[in-house]
Amino acid sequence: MQHIFSIVDRIMVLRRGKLITVQDVHKVTADDVVKYITGAEKVIEKV
């Protein structure tokens, strides 16, 4: 996942066809993204 972080500006996570979050890549960690993907983190926050 670090390769992805090195080439993007923002990360958008969709789960079950719904937008979960859009985050600036510099404000989240890989662990945060995994939480959004798995549903462990329920925050819907847009940057």
PDB file of N, CA and C in Angstrom:
ATOM      1  N   MET A   1       0.817  -1.184   0.000  1.00  0.00           N
ATOM      2  CA  MET A   1       0.000   0.000   0.000  1.00  0.00           C
ATOM      3  C   MET A   1       0.869   1.260   0.000  1.00  0.00           C
ATOM      4  N   GLN A   2       2.081   1.186   0.486  1.00  0.00           N
ATOM      5  CA  GLN A   2       2.951   2.366   0.507  1.00  0.00           C
ATOM      6  C   GLN A   2       3.226   2.888  -0.902  1.00  0.00           C
ATOM      7  N   HIS A   3       3.260   2.000  -1.884  1.00  0.00           N
ATOM      8  CA  HIS A   3       3.450   2.433  -3.269  1.00  0.00           C
ATOM      9  C   HIS A   3       2.290   3.339  -3.688  1.00  0.00           C
ATOM     10  N   ILE A   4       1.097   2.981  -3.320  1.00  0.00           N
ATOM     11  CA  ILE A   4      -0.073   3.801  -3.641  1.00  0.00           C
ATOM     12  C   ILE A   4       0.064   5.170  -2.988  1.00  0.00           C
ATOM     13  N   PHE A   5       0.460   5.201  -1.729  1.00  0.00           N
ATOM     14  CA  PHE A   5       0.619   6.463  -1.013  1.00  0.00           C
ATOM     15  C   PHE A   5       1.653   7.362  -1.690  1.00  0.00           C
ATOM     16  N   SER A   6       2.621   6.782  -2.354  1.00  0.00           N
ATOM     17  CA  SER A   6       3.681   7.587  -2.969  1.00  0.00           C
ATOM     18  C   SER A   6       3.273   8.215  -4.300  1.00  0.00           C
ATOM     19  N   ILE A   7       2.156   7.772  -4.896  1.00  0.00           N
ATOM     20  CA  ILE A   7       1.795   8.300  -6.218  1.00  0.00           C
ATOM     21  C   ILE A   7       0.453   9.027  -6.268  1.00  0.00           C
ATOM     22  N   VAL A   8      -0.282   9.080  -5.165  1.00  0.00           N
ATOM     23  CA  VAL A   8      -1.592   9.726  -5.178  1.00  0.00           C
ATOM     24  C   VAL A   8      -1.619  10.940  -4.254  1.00  0.00           C
ATOM     25  N   ASP A   9      -2.613  11.807  -4.478  1.00  0.00           N
ATOM     26  CA  ASP A   9      -2.831  12.970  -3.620  1.00  0.00           C
ATOM     27  C   ASP A   9      -3.948  12.724  -2.613  1.00  0.00           C
ATOM     28  N   ARG A  10      -4.966  11.984  -3.069  1.00  0.00           N
ATOM     29  CA  ARG A  10      -6.121  11.695  -2.220  1.00  0.00           C
ATOM     30  C   ARG A  10      -6.462  10.216  -2.313  1.00  0.00           C
ATOM     31  N   ILE A  11      -7.105   9.728  -1.277  1.00  0.00           N
ATOM     32  CA  ILE A  11      -7.558   8.340  -1.252  1.00  0.00           C
ATOM     33  C   ILE A  11      -9.066   8.353  -1.054  1.00  0.00           C
ATOM     34  N   MET A  12      -9.769   7.642  -1.935  1.00  0.00           N
ATOM     35  CA  MET A  12     -11.216   7.507  -1.845  1.00  0.00           C
ATOM     36  C   MET A  12     -11.524   6.046  -1.535  1.00  0.00           C
ATOM     37  N   VAL A  13     -12.346   5.832  -0.528  1.00  0.00           N
ATOM     38  CA  VAL A  13     -12.720   4.465  -0.163  1.00  0.00           C
ATOM     39  C   VAL A  13     -14.217   4.298  -0.395  1.00  0.00           C
ATOM     40  N   LEU A  14     -14.554   3.285  -1.183  1.00  0.00           N
ATOM     41  CA  LEU A  14     -15.942   2.899  -1.408  1.00  0.00           C
ATOM     42  C   LEU A  14     -16.142   1.530  -0.777  1.00  0.00           C
ATOM     43  N   ARG A  15     -17.291   1.328  -0.156  1.00  0.00           N
ATOM     44  CA  ARG A  15     -17.617   0.012   0.383  1.00  0.00           C
ATOM     45  C   ARG A  15     -19.078  -0.256   0.080  1.00  0.00           C
ATOM     46  N   ARG A  16     -19.332  -1.394  -0.574  1.00  0.00           N
ATOM     47  CA  ARG A  16     -20.687  -1.799  -0.951  1.00  0.00           C
ATOM     48  C   ARG A  16     -21.389  -0.722  -1.766  1.00  0.00           C
ATOM     49  N   GLY A  17     -20.632  -0.068  -2.634  1.00  0.00           N
ATOM     50  CA  GLY A  17     -21.187   0.936  -3.529  1.00  0.00           C
ATOM     51  C   GLY A  17     -21.411   2.299  -2.906  1.00  0.00           C
ATOM     52  N   LYS A  18     -20.994   2.487  -1.674  1.00  0.00           N
ATOM     53  CA  LYS A  18     -21.182   3.778  -1.006  1.00  0.00           C
ATOM     54  C   LYS A  18     -19.839   4.407  -0.683  1.00  0.00           C
ATOM     55  N   LEU A  19     -19.804   5.723  -0.845  1.00  0.00           N
ATOM     56  CA  LEU A  19     -18.598   6.475  -0.512  1.00  0.00           C
ATOM     57  C   LEU A  19     -18.423   6.493   0.999  1.00  0.00           C
ATOM     58  N   ILE A  20     -17.285   6.021   1.449  1.00  0.00           N
ATOM     59  CA  ILE A  20     -16.980   6.005   2.876  1.00  0.00           C
ATOM     60  C   ILE A  20     -16.178   7.235   3.267  1.00  0.00           C
ATOM     61  N   THR A  21     -15.150   7.544   2.492  1.00  0.00           N
ATOM     62  CA  THR A  21     -14.329   8.704   2.816  1.00  0.00           C
ATOM     63  C   THR A  21     -13.467   9.102   1.632  1.00  0.00           C
ATOM     64  N   VAL A  22     -13.103  10.365   1.609  1.00  0.00           N
ATOM     65  CA  VAL A  22     -12.076  10.894   0.708  1.00  0.00           C
ATOM     66  C   VAL A  22     -11.111  11.648   1.605  1.00  0.00           C
ATOM     67  N   GLN A  23      -9.854  11.234   1.592  1.00  0.00           N
ATOM     68  CA  GLN A  23      -8.871  11.813   2.503  1.00  0.00           C
ATOM     69  C   GLN A  23      -7.623  12.256   1.750  1.00  0.00           C
ATOM     70  N   ASP A  24      -7.015  13.321   2.229  1.00  0.00           N
ATOM     71  CA  ASP A  24      -5.699  13.725   1.750  1.00  0.00           C
ATOM     72  C   ASP A  24      -4.714  12.652   2.188  1.00  0.00           C
ATOM     73  N   VAL A  25      -3.887  12.193   1.281  1.00  0.00           N
ATOM     74  CA  VAL A  25      -2.976  11.083   1.567  1.00  0.00           C
ATOM     75  C   VAL A  25      -2.000  11.410   2.700  1.00  0.00           C
ATOM     76  N   HIS A  26      -1.747  12.685   2.923  1.00  0.00           N
ATOM     77  CA  HIS A  26      -0.804  13.081   3.972  1.00  0.00           C
ATOM     78  C   HIS A  26      -1.451  13.143   5.358  1.00  0.00           C
ATOM     79  N   LYS A  27      -2.773  12.978   5.411  1.00  0.00           N
ATOM     80  CA  LYS A  27      -3.476  13.072   6.692  1.00  0.00           C
ATOM     81  C   LYS A  27      -3.959  11.726   7.220  1.00  0.00           C
ATOM     82  N   VAL A  28      -3.704  10.642   6.481  1.00  0.00           N
ATOM     83  CA  VAL A  28      -4.126   9.313   6.933  1.00  0.00           C
ATOM     84  C   VAL A  28      -2.961   8.340   6.866  1.00  0.00           C
ATOM     85  N   THR A  29      -3.081   7.277   7.619  1.00  0.00           N
ATOM     86  CA  THR A  29      -2.074   6.215   7.576  1.00  0.00           C
ATOM     87  C   THR A  29      -2.651   5.020   6.828  1.00  0.00           C
ATOM     88  N   ALA A  30      -1.798   4.087   6.485  1.00  0.00           N
ATOM     89  CA  ALA A  30      -2.256   2.855   5.838  1.00  0.00           C
ATOM     90  C   ALA A  30      -3.229   2.127   6.760  1.00  0.00           C
ATOM     91  N   ASP A  31      -2.975   2.156   8.059  1.00  0.00           N
ATOM     92  CA  ASP A  31      -3.882   1.521   9.022  1.00  0.00           C
ATOM     93  C   ASP A  31      -5.267   2.172   8.995  1.00  0.00           C
ATOM     94  N   ASP A  32      -5.303   3.498   8.869  1.00  0.00           N
ATOM     95  CA  ASP A  32      -6.585   4.199   8.769  1.00  0.00           C
ATOM     96  C   ASP A  32      -7.358   3.722   7.542  1.00  0.00           C
ATOM     97  N   VAL A  33      -6.677   3.622   6.422  1.00  0.00           N
ATOM     98  CA  VAL A  33      -7.321   3.204   5.176  1.00  0.00           C
ATOM     99  C   VAL A  33      -7.874   1.788   5.309  1.00  0.00           C
ATOM    100  N   VAL A  34      -7.125   0.905   5.920  1.00  0.00           N
ATOM    101  CA  VAL A  34      -7.602  -0.468   6.132  1.00  0.00           C
ATOM    102  C   VAL A  34      -8.857  -0.457   7.004  1.00  0.00           C
ATOM    103  N   LYS A  35      -8.891   0.388   8.014  1.00  0.00           N
ATOM    104  CA  LYS A  35     -10.081   0.495   8.870  1.00  0.00           C
ATOM    105  C   LYS A  35     -11.288   0.963   8.069  1.00  0.00           C
ATOM    106  N   TYR A  36     -11.088   1.936   7.180  1.00  0.00           N
ATOM    107  CA  TYR A  36     -12.188   2.399   6.327  1.00  0.00           C
ATOM    108  C   TYR A  36     -12.660   1.285   5.398  1.00  0.00           C
ATOM    109  N   ILE A  37     -11.730   0.554   4.817  1.00  0.00           N
ATOM    110  CA  ILE A  37     -12.065  -0.518   3.876  1.00  0.00           C
ATOM    111  C   ILE A  37     -12.853  -1.626   4.575  1.00  0.00           C
ATOM    112  N   THR A  38     -12.451  -1.987   5.776  1.00  0.00           N
ATOM    113  CA  THR A  38     -13.070  -3.113   6.478  1.00  0.00           C
ATOM    114  C   THR A  38     -14.325  -2.727   7.255  1.00  0.00           C
ATOM    115  N   GLY A  39     -14.537  -1.435   7.431  1.00  0.00           N
ATOM    116  CA  GLY A  39     -15.706  -0.995   8.189  1.00  0.00           C
ATOM    117  C   GLY A  39     -15.433  -0.814   9.666  1.00  0.00           C
ATOM    118  N   ALA A  40     -14.206  -1.010  10.087  1.00  0.00           N
ATOM    119  CA  ALA A  40     -13.858  -0.819  11.495  1.00  0.00           C
ATOM    120  C   ALA A  40     -13.950   0.651  11.888  1.00  0.00           C
ATOM    121  N   GLU A  41     -13.741   1.531  10.932  1.00  0.00           N
ATOM    122  CA  GLU A  41     -13.829   2.977  11.152  1.00  0.00           C
ATOM    123  C   GLU A  41     -15.058   3.467  10.399  1.00  0.00           C
ATOM    124  N   LYS A  42     -16.004   4.093  11.103  1.00  0.00           N
ATOM    125  CA  LYS A  42     -17.268   4.476  10.496  1.00  0.00           C
ATOM    126  C   LYS A  42     -17.355   5.961  10.169  1.00  0.00           C
ATOM    127  N   VAL A  43     -16.262   6.662  10.216  1.00  0.00           N
ATOM    128  CA  VAL A  43     -16.241   8.099   9.960  1.00  0.00           C
ATOM    129  C   VAL A  43     -16.432   8.355   8.475  1.00  0.00           C
ATOM    130  N   ILE A  44     -17.344   9.264   8.162  1.00  0.00           N
ATOM    131  CA  ILE A  44     -17.499   9.710   6.782  1.00  0.00           C
ATOM    132  C   ILE A  44     -17.028  11.157   6.767  1.00  0.00           C
ATOM    133  N   GLU A  45     -15.849  11.363   6.231  1.00  0.00           N
ATOM    134  CA  GLU A  45     -15.223  12.678   6.255  1.00  0.00           C
ATOM    135  C   GLU A  45     -14.607  12.947   4.904  1.00  0.00           C
ATOM    136  N   LYS A  46     -14.898  14.111   4.367  1.00  0.00           N
ATOM    137  CA  LYS A  46     -14.339  14.480   3.071  1.00  0.00           C
ATOM    138  C   LYS A  46     -13.329  15.590   3.251  1.00  0.00           C
ATOM    139  N   VAL A  47     -12.303  15.555   2.439  1.00  0.00           N
ATOM    140  CA  VAL A  47     -11.287  16.607   2.443  1.00  0.00           C
ATOM    141  C   VAL A  47     -11.545  17.498   1.259  1.00  0.00           C
TER     142      VAL A  47
END
